[in-house]
C-alpha atoms as a PDB file:
ATOM      1  CA  MET A   1     -14.058 -26.139 -56.202  1.00  0.00           C
ATOM      2  CA  LYS A   2     -16.744 -24.300 -54.252  1.00  0.00           C
ATOM      3  CA  LEU A   3     -15.851 -26.301 -51.149  1.00  0.00           C
ATOM      4  CA  LYS A   4     -12.171 -25.360 -51.519  1.00  0.00           C
ATOM      5  CA  LYS A   5     -13.077 -21.654 -51.797  1.00  0.00           C
ATOM      6  CA  ILE A   6     -15.237 -21.844 -48.694  1.00  0.00           C
ATOM      7  CA  LEU A   7     -12.466 -23.576 -46.728  1.00  0.00           C
ATOM      8  CA  SER A   8      -9.924 -21.005 -47.903  1.00  0.00           C
ATOM      9  CA  ALA A   9     -12.187 -18.148 -46.835  1.00  0.00           C
ATOM     10  CA  LEU A  10     -12.682 -19.681 -43.410  1.00  0.00           C
ATOM     11  CA  ALA A  11      -8.941 -20.122 -42.969  1.00  0.00           C
ATOM     12  CA  LEU A  12      -8.352 -16.459 -43.885  1.00  0.00           C
ATOM     13  CA  VAL A  13     -10.958 -15.245 -41.339  1.00  0.00           C
ATOM     14  CA  SER A  14      -9.420 -17.462 -38.624  1.00  0.00           C
ATOM     15  CA  THR A  15      -5.941 -16.063 -39.343  1.00  0.00           C
ATOM     16  CA  LEU A  16      -7.187 -12.477 -39.105  1.00  0.00           C
ATOM     17  CA  MET A  17      -8.953 -13.185 -35.797  1.00  0.00           C
ATOM     18  CA  ILE A  18      -5.816 -14.727 -34.232  1.00  0.00           C
ATOM     19  CA  SER A  19      -3.682 -11.825 -35.478  1.00  0.00           C
ATOM     20  CA  GLY A  20      -6.095  -9.327 -33.930  1.00  0.00           C
ATOM     21  CA  CYS A  21      -5.940 -10.989 -30.438  1.00  0.00           C
ATOM     22  CA  GLY A  22      -2.156 -11.045 -30.567  1.00  0.00           C
ATOM     23  CA  SER A  23      -1.884  -7.319 -31.226  1.00  0.00           C
ATOM     24  CA  GLN A  24      -4.121  -6.519 -28.214  1.00  0.00           C
ATOM     25  CA  GLN A  25      -2.109  -8.687 -25.830  1.00  0.00           C
ATOM     26  CA  SER A  26       1.204  -7.100 -26.797  1.00  0.00           C
ATOM     27  CA  ALA A  27       0.070  -3.531 -26.171  1.00  0.00           C
ATOM     28  CA  ALA A  28       2.460  -1.571 -23.932  1.00  0.00           C
ATOM     29  CA  PRO A  29       1.230  -0.788 -20.395  1.00  0.00           C
ATOM     30  CA  SER A  30      -0.088   2.713 -19.815  1.00  0.00           C
ATOM     31  CA  THR A  31       1.999   4.964 -17.569  1.00  0.00           C
ATOM     32  CA  ASP A  32      -0.226   8.039 -17.744  1.00  0.00           C
ATOM     33  CA  GLN A  33      -1.075   8.912 -14.131  1.00  0.00           C
ATOM     34  CA  ALA A  34      -3.403  11.706 -15.201  1.00  0.00           C
ATOM     35  CA  ALA A  35      -5.846   9.304 -16.836  1.00  0.00           C
ATOM     36  CA  PRO A  36      -6.524   6.290 -14.583  1.00  0.00           C
ATOM     37  CA  THR A  37      -8.194   3.327 -16.251  1.00  0.00           C
ATOM     38  CA  SER A  38     -11.940   3.600 -15.803  1.00  0.00           C
ATOM     39  CA  THR A  39     -13.221   0.725 -17.943  1.00  0.00           C
ATOM     40  CA  PRO A  40     -14.091  -2.242 -15.696  1.00  0.00           C
ATOM     41  CA  THR A  41     -12.131  -5.390 -16.524  1.00  0.00           C
ATOM     42  CA  THR A  42     -11.342  -8.561 -14.648  1.00  0.00           C
ATOM     43  CA  VAL A  43      -8.112  -8.918 -12.679  1.00  0.00           C
ATOM     44  CA  GLU A  44      -6.999 -11.624 -15.097  1.00  0.00           C
ATOM     45  CA  GLN A  45      -7.528  -9.340 -18.082  1.00  0.00           C
ATOM     46  CA  THR A  46      -5.509  -6.576 -16.439  1.00  0.00           C
ATOM     47  CA  ALA A  47      -2.661  -8.981 -15.690  1.00  0.00           C
ATOM     48  CA  GLU A  48      -2.520 -10.109 -19.342  1.00  0.00           C
ATOM     49  CA  ALA A  49      -2.685  -6.598 -20.775  1.00  0.00           C
ATOM     50  CA  LYS A  50      -0.018  -5.217 -18.413  1.00  0.00           C
ATOM     51  CA  PRO A  51       3.016  -7.498 -18.154  1.00  0.00           C
ATOM     52  CA  VAL A  52       5.125  -7.321 -14.994  1.00  0.00           C
ATOM     53  CA  VAL A  53       7.599  -4.441 -15.160  1.00  0.00           C
ATOM     54  CA  LYS A  54      11.155  -5.175 -14.082  1.00  0.00           C
ATOM     55  CA  GLY A  55      12.432  -2.179 -12.180  1.00  0.00           C
ATOM     56  CA  ASP A  56      14.694  -0.864  -9.449  1.00  0.00           C
ATOM     57  CA  LEU A  57      11.866  -0.309  -6.969  1.00  0.00           C
ATOM     58  CA  THR A  58       9.726  -3.070  -5.474  1.00  0.00           C
ATOM     59  CA  ILE A  59       6.943  -2.439  -2.957  1.00  0.00           C
ATOM     60  CA  GLN A  60       5.093  -5.356  -1.371  1.00  0.00           C
ATOM     61  CA  MET A  61       1.980  -5.126   0.769  1.00  0.00           C
ATOM     62  CA  LEU A  62       2.562  -8.311   2.742  1.00  0.00           C
ATOM     63  CA  ASN A  63      -0.294 -10.697   3.457  1.00  0.00           C
ATOM     64  CA  VAL A  64      -0.234 -10.564   7.250  1.00  0.00           C
ATOM     65  CA  GLY A  65      -3.928 -10.567   8.107  1.00  0.00           C
ATOM     66  CA  GLN A  66      -5.623  -7.460   9.465  1.00  0.00           C
ATOM     67  CA  GLY A  67      -2.528  -5.394  10.234  1.00  0.00           C
ATOM     68  CA  ASP A  68      -0.240  -3.433   7.942  1.00  0.00           C
ATOM     69  CA  ALA A  69       3.252  -4.430   6.829  1.00  0.00           C
ATOM     70  CA  ILE A  70       4.688  -2.975   3.629  1.00  0.00           C
ATOM     71  CA  LEU A  71       8.189  -3.815   2.413  1.00  0.00           C
ATOM     72  CA  ILE A  72       9.994  -1.362   0.123  1.00  0.00           C
ATOM     73  CA  ARG A  73      13.190  -2.361  -1.668  1.00  0.00           C
ATOM     74  CA  THR A  74      15.297   0.088  -3.658  1.00  0.00           C
ATOM     75  CA  LYS A  75      18.774  -0.266  -5.177  1.00  0.00           C
ATOM     76  CA  LYS A  76      20.273   0.798  -1.858  1.00  0.00           C
ATOM     77  CA  GLN A  77      17.851   0.089   0.989  1.00  0.00           C
ATOM     78  CA  ASN A  78      15.159  -2.125   2.481  1.00  0.00           C
ATOM     79  CA  ILE A  79      12.406  -0.309   4.376  1.00  0.00           C
ATOM     80  CA  LEU A  80       9.480  -1.786   6.293  1.00  0.00           C
ATOM     81  CA  ILE A  81       6.452   0.403   6.968  1.00  0.00           C
ATOM     82  CA  ASP A  82       4.540  -1.055   9.943  1.00  0.00           C
ATOM     83  CA  THR A  83       4.954  -4.551  11.343  1.00  0.00           C
ATOM     84  CA  SER A  84       1.497  -6.204  11.511  1.00  0.00           C
ATOM     85  CA  ASP A  85      -0.365  -7.184  14.701  1.00  0.00           C
ATOM     86  CA  ILE A  86       1.029  -8.964  17.718  1.00  0.00           C
ATOM     87  CA  ASP A  87      -0.907 -12.150  16.854  1.00  0.00           C
ATOM     88  CA  GLU A  88       0.257 -11.940  13.223  1.00  0.00           C
ATOM     89  CA  ARG A  89       3.987 -11.988  13.993  1.00  0.00           C
ATOM     90  CA  ASP A  90       4.486 -15.482  12.578  1.00  0.00           C
ATOM     91  CA  LYS A  91       2.859 -14.380   9.311  1.00  0.00           C
ATOM     92  CA  LEU A  92       5.146 -11.349   9.179  1.00  0.00           C
ATOM     93  CA  VAL A  93       8.275 -13.419   9.760  1.00  0.00           C
ATOM     94  CA  ALA A  94       7.177 -15.959   7.122  1.00  0.00           C
ATOM     95  CA  GLU A  95       6.528 -13.225   4.554  1.00  0.00           C
ATOM     96  CA  LEU A  96       9.890 -11.567   5.220  1.00  0.00           C
ATOM     97  CA  ASP A  97      11.659 -14.944   5.036  1.00  0.00           C
ATOM     98  CA  LYS A  98      10.293 -15.382   1.516  1.00  0.00           C
ATOM     99  CA  THR A  99      12.105 -12.226   0.392  1.00  0.00           C
ATOM    100  CA  LYS A 100      15.481 -13.522   1.693  1.00  0.00           C
ATOM    101  CA  ILE A 101      16.487 -10.043   2.841  1.00  0.00           C
ATOM    102  CA  LYS A 102      19.107  -9.836   5.608  1.00  0.00           C
ATOM    103  CA  LYS A 103      18.687  -6.232   6.743  1.00  0.00           C
ATOM    104  CA  LEU A 104      16.177  -3.469   7.227  1.00  0.00           C
ATOM    105  CA  ASP A 105      17.734  -0.047   6.838  1.00  0.00           C
ATOM    106  CA  ARG A 106      14.743   1.454   8.586  1.00  0.00           C
ATOM    107  CA  VAL A 107      11.400   0.509  10.046  1.00  0.00           C
ATOM    108  CA  ILE A 108       8.718   3.211   9.917  1.00  0.00           C
ATOM    109  CA  LEU A 109       5.880   2.892  12.427  1.00  0.00           C
ATOM    110  CA  THR A 110       2.930   5.017  11.356  1.00  0.00           C
ATOM    111  CA  HIS A 111       1.237   5.034  14.802  1.00  0.00           C
ATOM    112  CA  PRO A 112       1.347   2.943  17.993  1.00  0.00           C
ATOM    113  CA  HIS A 113      -1.707   0.721  17.477  1.00  0.00           C
ATOM    114  CA  ALA A 114      -1.053  -2.993  17.947  1.00  0.00           C
ATOM    115  CA  ASP A 115      -1.922  -3.919  14.348  1.00  0.00           C
ATOM    116  CA  HIS A 116       0.845  -1.623  13.096  1.00  0.00           C
ATOM    117  CA  ILE A 117       3.658  -2.083  15.635  1.00  0.00           C
ATOM    118  CA  GLY A 118       2.837  -5.557  16.970  1.00  0.00           C
ATOM    119  CA  GLY A 119       5.555  -7.478  15.134  1.00  0.00           C
ATOM    120  CA  LEU A 120       8.562  -5.238  15.737  1.00  0.00           C
ATOM    121  CA  GLU A 121       9.606  -6.570  19.140  1.00  0.00           C
ATOM    122  CA  ARG A 122       9.628 -10.087  17.653  1.00  0.00           C
ATOM    123  CA  LEU A 123      11.864  -8.944  14.777  1.00  0.00           C
ATOM    124  CA  LEU A 124      14.229  -7.245  17.234  1.00  0.00           C
ATOM    125  CA  LYS A 125      14.459 -10.252  19.528  1.00  0.00           C
ATOM    126  CA  ASP A 126      14.812 -12.804  16.699  1.00  0.00           C
ATOM    127  CA  GLY A 127      17.841 -10.977  15.423  1.00  0.00           C
ATOM    128  CA  LYS A 128      17.438 -12.490  11.924  1.00  0.00           C
ATOM    129  CA  LEU A 129      17.344  -9.051  10.361  1.00  0.00           C
ATOM    130  CA  ASN A 130      19.886  -6.319  10.938  1.00  0.00           C
ATOM    131  CA  ILE A 131      17.632  -3.344  11.768  1.00  0.00           C
ATOM    132  CA  LYS A 132      19.560  -0.083  11.507  1.00  0.00           C
ATOM    133  CA  GLU A 133      17.029   2.504  12.655  1.00  0.00           C
ATOM    134  CA  ILE A 134      13.392   3.036  13.559  1.00  0.00           C
ATOM    135  CA  ASP A 135      11.115   5.996  12.786  1.00  0.00           C
ATOM    136  CA  ASP A 136       7.844   6.769  14.558  1.00  0.00           C
ATOM    137  CA  ASN A 137       5.306   9.591  14.645  1.00  0.00           C
ATOM    138  CA  CYS A 138       6.750  11.317  17.711  1.00  0.00           C
ATOM    139  CA  MET A 139       3.655  10.569  19.781  1.00  0.00           C
ATOM    140  CA  PRO A 140       4.095   9.079  23.257  1.00  0.00           C
ATOM    141  CA  SER A 141       2.287   5.884  24.207  1.00  0.00           C
ATOM    142  CA  THR A 142       1.956   3.845  27.381  1.00  0.00           C
ATOM    143  CA  SER A 143       0.942   0.609  25.663  1.00  0.00           C
ATOM    144  CA  LYS A 144       3.006  -2.455  26.588  1.00  0.00           C
ATOM    145  CA  ILE A 145       3.628  -3.207  22.921  1.00  0.00           C
ATOM    146  CA  TYR A 146       5.067   0.274  22.384  1.00  0.00           C
ATOM    147  CA  THR A 147       7.230   0.294  25.508  1.00  0.00           C
ATOM    148  CA  GLY A 148       8.323  -3.267  24.737  1.00  0.00           C
ATOM    149  CA  TYR A 149       9.761  -2.436  21.319  1.00  0.00           C
ATOM    150  CA  VAL A 150      11.383   0.745  22.674  1.00  0.00           C
ATOM    151  CA  LYS A 151      13.225  -1.256  25.346  1.00  0.00           C
ATOM    152  CA  ALA A 152      14.224  -3.934  22.823  1.00  0.00           C
ATOM    153  CA  ALA A 153      15.564  -1.274  20.422  1.00  0.00           C
ATOM    154  CA  GLU A 154      17.459   0.541  23.160  1.00  0.00           C
ATOM    155  CA  ALA A 155      19.027  -2.743  24.320  1.00  0.00           C
ATOM    156  CA  ARG A 156      20.443  -3.221  20.822  1.00  0.00           C
ATOM    157  CA  GLY A 157      21.539   0.369  20.378  1.00  0.00           C
ATOM    158  CA  ILE A 158      19.093   1.004  17.523  1.00  0.00           C
ATOM    159  CA  PRO A 159      18.223   4.709  17.220  1.00  0.00           C
ATOM    160  CA  ILE A 160      14.564   5.773  17.229  1.00  0.00           C
ATOM    161  CA  ASN A 161      13.812   8.889  15.181  1.00  0.00           C
ATOM    162  CA  HIS A 162      10.633  10.967  15.093  1.00  0.00           C
ATOM    163  CA  LEU A 163       9.007  12.046  11.826  1.00  0.00           C
ATOM    164  CA  LYS A 164       6.758  14.997  11.147  1.00  0.00           C
ATOM    165  CA  ASP A 165       5.503  17.179   8.308  1.00  0.00           C
ATOM    166  CA  GLY A 166       8.308  18.383   6.044  1.00  0.00           C
ATOM    167  CA  ASP A 167      10.819  15.616   6.761  1.00  0.00           C
ATOM    168  CA  VAL A 168      12.235  13.958   3.647  1.00  0.00           C
ATOM    169  CA  LEU A 169      13.864  10.518   3.758  1.00  0.00           C
ATOM    170  CA  ASP A 170      16.228   9.292   1.072  1.00  0.00           C
ATOM    171  CA  PHE A 171      15.549   5.617   0.364  1.00  0.00           C
ATOM    172  CA  GLY A 172      18.392   5.453  -2.156  1.00  0.00           C
ATOM    173  CA  GLY A 173      18.433   4.991  -5.915  1.00  0.00           C
ATOM    174  CA  GLY A 174      16.431   8.175  -6.483  1.00  0.00           C
ATOM    175  CA  VAL A 175      13.523   7.117  -4.243  1.00  0.00           C
ATOM    176  CA  LYS A 176      12.325   9.791  -1.805  1.00  0.00           C
ATOM    177  CA  PHE A 177       9.755   9.706   0.980  1.00  0.00           C
ATOM    178  CA  LYS A 178       8.269  13.049   2.024  1.00  0.00           C
ATOM    179  CA  VAL A 179       6.299  13.235   5.245  1.00  0.00           C
ATOM    180  CA  PHE A 180       2.995  15.136   5.061  1.00  0.00           C
ATOM    181  CA  TYR A 181       1.658  14.357   8.558  1.00  0.00           C
ATOM    182  CA  PRO A 182       1.621  14.753  11.573  1.00  0.00           C
ATOM    183  CA  THR A 183       2.131  18.513  11.641  1.00  0.00           C
ATOM    184  CA  SER A 184       4.545  20.265  13.982  1.00  0.00           C
ATOM    185  CA  THR A 185       1.563  21.789  15.774  1.00  0.00           C
ATOM    186  CA  LEU A 186       0.048  18.346  16.407  1.00  0.00           C
ATOM    187  CA  VAL A 187       3.382  16.940  17.584  1.00  0.00           C
ATOM    188  CA  GLU A 188       3.804  19.814  20.029  1.00  0.00           C
ATOM    189  CA  ALA A 189       0.267  19.361  21.367  1.00  0.00           C
ATOM    190  CA  GLY A 190       0.786  15.607  21.659  1.00  0.00           C
ATOM    191  CA  SER A 191       3.821  16.056  23.890  1.00  0.00           C
ATOM    192  CA  LYS A 192       1.646  17.476  26.697  1.00  0.00           C
ATOM    193  CA  LYS A 193       0.336  15.080  29.340  1.00  0.00           C
ATOM    194  CA  SER A 194      -3.119  16.629  29.188  1.00  0.00           C
ATOM    195  CA  TYR A 195      -3.498  15.954  25.446  1.00  0.00           C
ATOM    196  CA  LYS A 196      -6.139  13.408  24.487  1.00  0.00           C
ATOM    197  CA  HIS A 197      -4.560  11.219  21.824  1.00  0.00           C
ATOM    198  CA  ASP A 198      -6.313   9.932  18.714  1.00  0.00           C
ATOM    199  CA  PRO A 199      -3.670   7.532  17.296  1.00  0.00           C
ATOM    200  CA  ASN A 200      -5.344   6.937  13.922  1.00  0.00           C
ATOM    201  CA  ASN A 201      -5.400  10.663  13.243  1.00  0.00           C
ATOM    202  CA  GLU A 202      -1.785  11.027  14.334  1.00  0.00           C
ATOM    203  CA  SER A 203      -0.595   8.540  11.683  1.00  0.00           C
ATOM    204  CA  ILE A 204       2.430   9.239   9.559  1.00  0.00           C
ATOM    205  CA  VAL A 205       1.248  10.084   6.060  1.00  0.00           C
ATOM    206  CA  GLY A 206       4.064   9.986   3.536  1.00  0.00           C
ATOM    207  CA  HIS A 207       4.473  10.344  -0.213  1.00  0.00           C
ATOM    208  CA  LEU A 208       6.990   8.100  -1.976  1.00  0.00           C
ATOM    209  CA  THR A 209       8.275   9.292  -5.347  1.00  0.00           C
ATOM    210  CA  TYR A 210      10.515   7.692  -7.946  1.00  0.00           C
ATOM    211  CA  LYS A 211      10.695   9.502 -11.282  1.00  0.00           C
ATOM    212  CA  ASN A 212       7.125   9.356 -12.698  1.00  0.00           C
ATOM    213  CA  PHE A 213       5.869   6.877 -10.088  1.00  0.00           C
ATOM    214  CA  SER A 214       4.393   7.795  -6.711  1.00  0.00           C
ATOM    215  CA  MET A 215       2.617   6.107  -3.825  1.00  0.00           C
ATOM    216  CA  LEU A 216       0.753   7.625  -0.897  1.00  0.00           C
ATOM    217  CA  PHE A 217       1.094   5.864   2.466  1.00  0.00           C
ATOM    218  CA  THR A 218      -1.640   6.756   4.924  1.00  0.00           C
ATOM    219  CA  GLY A 219      -1.411   4.542   8.005  1.00  0.00           C
ATOM    220  CA  ASP A 220      -4.863   4.673   9.607  1.00  0.00           C
ATOM    221  CA  ALA A 221      -5.487   8.367   8.898  1.00  0.00           C
ATOM    222  CA  GLU A 222      -9.188   9.189   8.730  1.00  0.00           C
ATOM    223  CA  LYS A 223     -11.234  11.924   7.064  1.00  0.00           C
ATOM    224  CA  LYS A 224     -10.062  14.498   9.611  1.00  0.00           C
ATOM    225  CA  VAL A 225      -6.488  14.095   8.389  1.00  0.00           C
ATOM    226  CA  GLU A 226      -7.620  13.943   4.760  1.00  0.00           C
ATOM    227  CA  ASN A 227      -9.376  17.297   5.197  1.00  0.00           C
ATOM    228  CA  ASP A 228      -6.306  18.760   6.897  1.00  0.00           C
ATOM    229  CA  LEU A 229      -4.205  17.691   3.920  1.00  0.00           C
ATOM    230  CA  LEU A 230      -6.710  19.107   1.438  1.00  0.00           C
ATOM    231  CA  ASN A 231      -6.403  22.439   3.236  1.00  0.00           C
ATOM    232  CA  SER A 232      -2.610  22.330   3.429  1.00  0.00           C
ATOM    233  CA  ALA A 233       0.247  23.167   1.089  1.00  0.00           C
ATOM    234  CA  HIS A 234       0.477  19.433   0.338  1.00  0.00           C
ATOM    235  CA  ARG A 235      -2.792  19.389  -1.598  1.00  0.00           C
ATOM    236  CA  ALA A 236      -0.906  19.851  -4.880  1.00  0.00           C
ATOM    237  CA  GLU A 237       1.334  16.880  -3.998  1.00  0.00           C
ATOM    238  CA  LEU A 238      -1.368  14.332  -3.165  1.00  0.00           C
ATOM    239  CA  LYS A 239      -1.770  12.888  -6.660  1.00  0.00           C
ATOM    240  CA  SER A 240      -0.352   9.354  -6.662  1.00  0.00           C
ATOM    241  CA  THR A 241      -0.067   6.317  -8.883  1.00  0.00           C
ATOM    242  CA  VAL A 242      -0.917   3.987  -5.986  1.00  0.00           C
ATOM    243  CA  LEU A 243      -2.832   4.629  -2.772  1.00  0.00           C
ATOM    244  CA  LYS A 244      -2.276   2.529   0.333  1.00  0.00           C
ATOM    245  CA  SER A 245      -5.870   2.341   1.523  1.00  0.00           C
ATOM    246  CA  SER A 246      -6.158   4.101   4.842  1.00  0.00           C
ATOM    247  CA  HIS A 247      -7.456   2.310   7.933  1.00  0.00           C
ATOM    248  CA  HIS A 248      -7.799  -1.015   6.099  1.00  0.00           C
ATOM    249  CA  GLY A 249     -10.500   0.316   3.774  1.00  0.00           C
ATOM    250  CA  SER A 250     -12.673   1.770   6.515  1.00  0.00           C
ATOM    251  CA  LYS A 251     -15.589   4.108   5.842  1.00  0.00           C
ATOM    252  CA  THR A 252     -13.894   6.503   8.281  1.00  0.00           C
ATOM    253  CA  ALA A 253     -11.441   7.338   5.489  1.00  0.00           C
ATOM    254  CA  ALA A 254     -11.466   7.666   1.688  1.00  0.00           C
ATOM    255  CA  GLY A 255     -13.571  10.835   1.530  1.00  0.00           C
ATOM    256  CA  LEU A 256     -14.588  11.507  -2.055  1.00  0.00           C
ATOM    257  CA  ASP A 257     -12.938  14.944  -2.290  1.00  0.00           C
ATOM    258  CA  PHE A 258      -9.698  13.448  -1.020  1.00  0.00           C
ATOM    259  CA  MET A 259      -9.902  10.502  -3.389  1.00  0.00           C
ATOM    260  CA  LYS A 260     -10.472  12.783  -6.365  1.00  0.00           C
ATOM    261  CA  GLU A 261      -7.407  14.801  -5.412  1.00  0.00           C
ATOM    262  CA  VAL A 262      -5.206  11.713  -5.023  1.00  0.00           C
ATOM    263  CA  ALA A 263      -6.688  10.230  -8.225  1.00  0.00           C
ATOM    264  CA  PRO A 264      -4.823   6.909  -7.924  1.00  0.00           C
ATOM    265  CA  GLU A 265      -4.576   4.351 -10.667  1.00  0.00           C
ATOM    266  CA  TYR A 266      -4.405   1.550  -8.089  1.00  0.00           C
ATOM    267  CA  VAL A 267      -5.604   1.030  -4.499  1.00  0.00           C
ATOM    268  CA  VAL A 268      -4.114  -1.657  -2.247  1.00  0.00           C
ATOM    269  CA  ILE A 269      -5.886  -2.738   0.948  1.00  0.00           C
ATOM    270  CA  SER A 270      -4.473  -4.668   3.906  1.00  0.00           C
ATOM    271  CA  ALA A 271      -7.271  -6.400   5.838  1.00  0.00           C
ATOM    272  CA  GLY A 272      -7.818  -9.922   7.136  1.00  0.00           C
ATOM    273  CA  GLU A 273     -10.662 -12.416   6.992  1.00  0.00           C
ATOM    274  CA  PRO A 274     -13.921 -10.542   7.623  1.00  0.00           C
ATOM    275  CA  ASP A 275     -16.040 -10.908  10.743  1.00  0.00           C
ATOM    276  CA  VAL A 276     -13.338 -12.677  12.742  1.00  0.00           C
ATOM    277  CA  ASP A 277     -13.081 -11.760  16.427  1.00  0.00           C
ATOM    278  CA  GLY A 278      -9.703 -10.288  17.267  1.00  0.00           C
ATOM    279  CA  GLY A 279      -9.052  -9.597  13.604  1.00  0.00           C
ATOM    280  CA  ASN A 280     -11.229  -8.074  10.920  1.00  0.00           C
ATOM    281  CA  SER A 281     -14.389  -7.961  13.007  1.00  0.00           C
ATOM    282  CA  TYR A 282     -15.077  -4.556  11.432  1.00  0.00           C
ATOM    283  CA  GLY A 283     -15.935  -5.989   8.030  1.00  0.00           C
ATOM    284  CA  HIS A 284     -13.205  -4.061   6.185  1.00  0.00           C
ATOM    285  CA  PRO A 285     -13.094  -2.967   3.433  1.00  0.00           C
ATOM    286  CA  HIS A 286     -16.310  -0.994   3.769  1.00  0.00           C
ATOM    287  CA  LYS A 287     -18.591  -0.417   0.806  1.00  0.00           C
ATOM    288  CA  ALA A 288     -18.521   3.371   1.304  1.00  0.00           C
ATOM    289  CA  ALA A 289     -14.747   3.439   0.825  1.00  0.00           C
ATOM    290  CA  LEU A 290     -14.827   1.053  -2.142  1.00  0.00           C
ATOM    291  CA  ASN A 291     -17.529   3.099  -3.857  1.00  0.00           C
ATOM    292  CA  ASN A 292     -15.506   6.286  -3.389  1.00  0.00           C
ATOM    293  CA  TYR A 293     -12.492   4.608  -4.985  1.00  0.00           C
ATOM    294  CA  LEU A 294     -14.660   3.782  -7.979  1.00  0.00           C
ATOM    295  CA  LYS A 295     -16.232   7.252  -8.102  1.00  0.00           C
ATOM    296  CA  ALA A 296     -12.735   8.758  -8.127  1.00  0.00           C
ATOM    297  CA  GLY A 297     -11.983   6.826 -11.315  1.00  0.00           C
ATOM    298  CA  VAL A 298     -10.166   3.733 -10.037  1.00  0.00           C
ATOM    299  CA  SER A 299     -10.959   0.654 -12.107  1.00  0.00           C
ATOM    300  CA  GLY A 300     -12.474  -2.164 -10.078  1.00  0.00           C
ATOM    301  CA  ALA A 301      -9.772  -4.443 -11.494  1.00  0.00           C
ATOM    302  CA  ASN A 302      -7.133  -2.196  -9.915  1.00  0.00           C
ATOM    303  CA  ILE A 303      -8.391  -2.531  -6.341  1.00  0.00           C
ATOM    304  CA  PHE A 304      -6.558  -5.293  -4.457  1.00  0.00           C
ATOM    305  CA  TRP A 305      -7.167  -6.750  -0.983  1.00  0.00           C
ATOM    306  CA  THR A 306      -4.634  -8.961   0.807  1.00  0.00           C
ATOM    307  CA  TYR A 307      -7.283 -11.354   2.152  1.00  0.00           C
ATOM    308  CA  LYS A 308      -8.476 -12.061  -1.405  1.00  0.00           C
ATOM    309  CA  ASN A 309      -5.316 -11.375  -3.413  1.00  0.00           C
ATOM    310  CA  GLY A 310      -2.509 -12.366  -1.022  1.00  0.00           C
ATOM    311  CA  THR A 311       0.699 -10.353  -1.042  1.00  0.00           C
ATOM    312  CA  ILE A 312       0.476  -7.518  -3.557  1.00  0.00           C
ATOM    313  CA  THR A 313       3.694  -6.637  -5.396  1.00  0.00           C
ATOM    314  CA  ILE A 314       4.369  -3.325  -7.124  1.00  0.00           C
ATOM    315  CA  THR A 315       7.396  -3.039  -9.408  1.00  0.00           C
ATOM    316  CA  THR A 316       8.538   0.019 -11.308  1.00  0.00           C
ATOM    317  CA  ASP A 317      11.480   1.501 -13.147  1.00  0.00           C
ATOM    318  CA  GLY A 318      10.020   4.952 -12.579  1.00  0.00           C
ATOM    319  CA  SER A 319       8.556   5.170 -16.086  1.00  0.00           C
ATOM    320  CA  ALA A 320       6.350   2.067 -16.202  1.00  0.00           C
ATOM    321  CA  TRP A 321       4.852   0.052 -13.362  1.00  0.00           C
ATOM    322  CA  SER A 322       2.872  -3.054 -12.613  1.00  0.00           C
ATOM    323  CA  VAL A 323       0.801  -4.199  -9.650  1.00  0.00           C
ATOM    324  CA  THR A 324       0.722  -7.977  -9.353  1.00  0.00           C
ATOM    325  CA  PRO A 325      -1.464  -9.900  -6.872  1.00  0.00           C
ATOM    326  CA  GLU A 326      -0.256 -13.214  -5.508  1.00  0.00           C
ATOM    327  CA  VAL A 327      -3.758 -14.582  -6.166  1.00  0.00           C
ATOM    328  CA  LYS A 328      -5.734 -13.437  -9.196  1.00  0.00           C
ATOM    329  CA  THR A 329      -9.403 -13.410  -8.310  1.00  0.00           C
ATOM    330  CA  GLU A 330     -12.480 -11.285  -8.825  1.00  0.00           C
ATOM    331  CA  TRP A 331     -14.127 -10.284  -5.547  1.00  0.00           C
ATOM    332  CA  LEU A 332     -15.235  -6.646  -5.743  1.00  0.00           C
ATOM    333  CA  ASP A 333     -18.672  -7.006  -7.370  1.00  0.00           C
ATOM    334  CA  GLU A 334     -19.699  -9.814  -5.038  1.00  0.00           C
ATOM    335  CA  TRP A 335     -18.443  -7.906  -1.979  1.00  0.00           C
ATOM    336  CA  LEU A 336     -20.367  -4.773  -2.939  1.00  0.00           C
ATOM    337  CA  LYS A 337     -23.587  -6.790  -3.297  1.00  0.00           C
ATOM    338  CA  LYS A 338     -23.444  -8.010   0.317  1.00  0.00           C
END
C-alpha cells in the first residue's frame, strides 16, 4: 500500500509539472512597444514563446551578404529597399525568386553606395520583375553603378523619383512610409557642384507604420544624422518596434541617446561573413553598437544578423508581430567576447 501511495504521489507531481510547462508555452505574444523585453533568453526560447503571427504585412531582410536588401509586402504592393552589392546580385535574385513575386511597385535606394544599389541594374536587365518606379535620395553621383541603373531605368521608361524629409509614401493596406531624411536644406546643398558629398550621411531614413507596428529604416546613416534627428521635429516619431541597424551594425551609428529614443523591441542587421576582403572586412556588427542596443533595453535574443540567422522575416497584423530568423542560433555572447 505504501508503494502505491508513493507512485500515486509521483504521478500527481509529474502531471502538475507538465501542465505548468504547457501554460507557459501557450502565452500570447507581447505587443507592448513601450516595454521591450529585457530578460535575456535564447533565440529558440523566444521562438517558442512567440508563435509566428499571420498578418497583412511581411518584411524580409534578405540574406544577401554585406549589402542591404529589404523586401516589404503589403496587401497592395511589393517594395524593395536597397538592392545589395554588385557582387551579391546572384544572391539577391535567388532570394527574390524564393518569394515568387512578379512585380516591384517601387524600389527605394537609400544612397548610391555599391552595397545598396549594386543589384538594381541586374534586376532591370533581367526583366523578371515588373518594376514600376524607383525612388532615391535626390543626391547626384558619378559612379558607374549609379549611372548604369539610371540609363537602364530610362531605357525602360521607369520613372525615378527623389525623396526628402516630409514625403509620405502609401504602401497600400494602411501601411505608410514617412521620410525623415535627407532634409530639404541638405538636398539643396547637395545639388551644387562644389558640395562635398558624404553618401552615408545622405541616406534616406524612413519610418514605416501599420496600426500599432512600426519600423525605422536607416540606410547607412551615422551618428551625425542620428543627432540631427534627435534635434528635429521627428524626435517624437522615432520610437519603433523594429530598427533596421544602420550601416550594418557599425560603431559609427547606434549612439546611445538615439537608441534610447527609438527604444526598439527588435534590431535586424544585414552584414556578411566577417573579415572577408571585398565584403565584411570591417568586422560588422561592432561591439559598441551591439552594447548600445542592449543598454537601450533590447533583449539579446531579439538581435538578429543575416550572416548568422539567414533571411529575417517580420510578420504583423498591426496588433501583434513576430520576427522569425531563417536559422535559429545563439551568437551574440560569443561575438561580444571576441
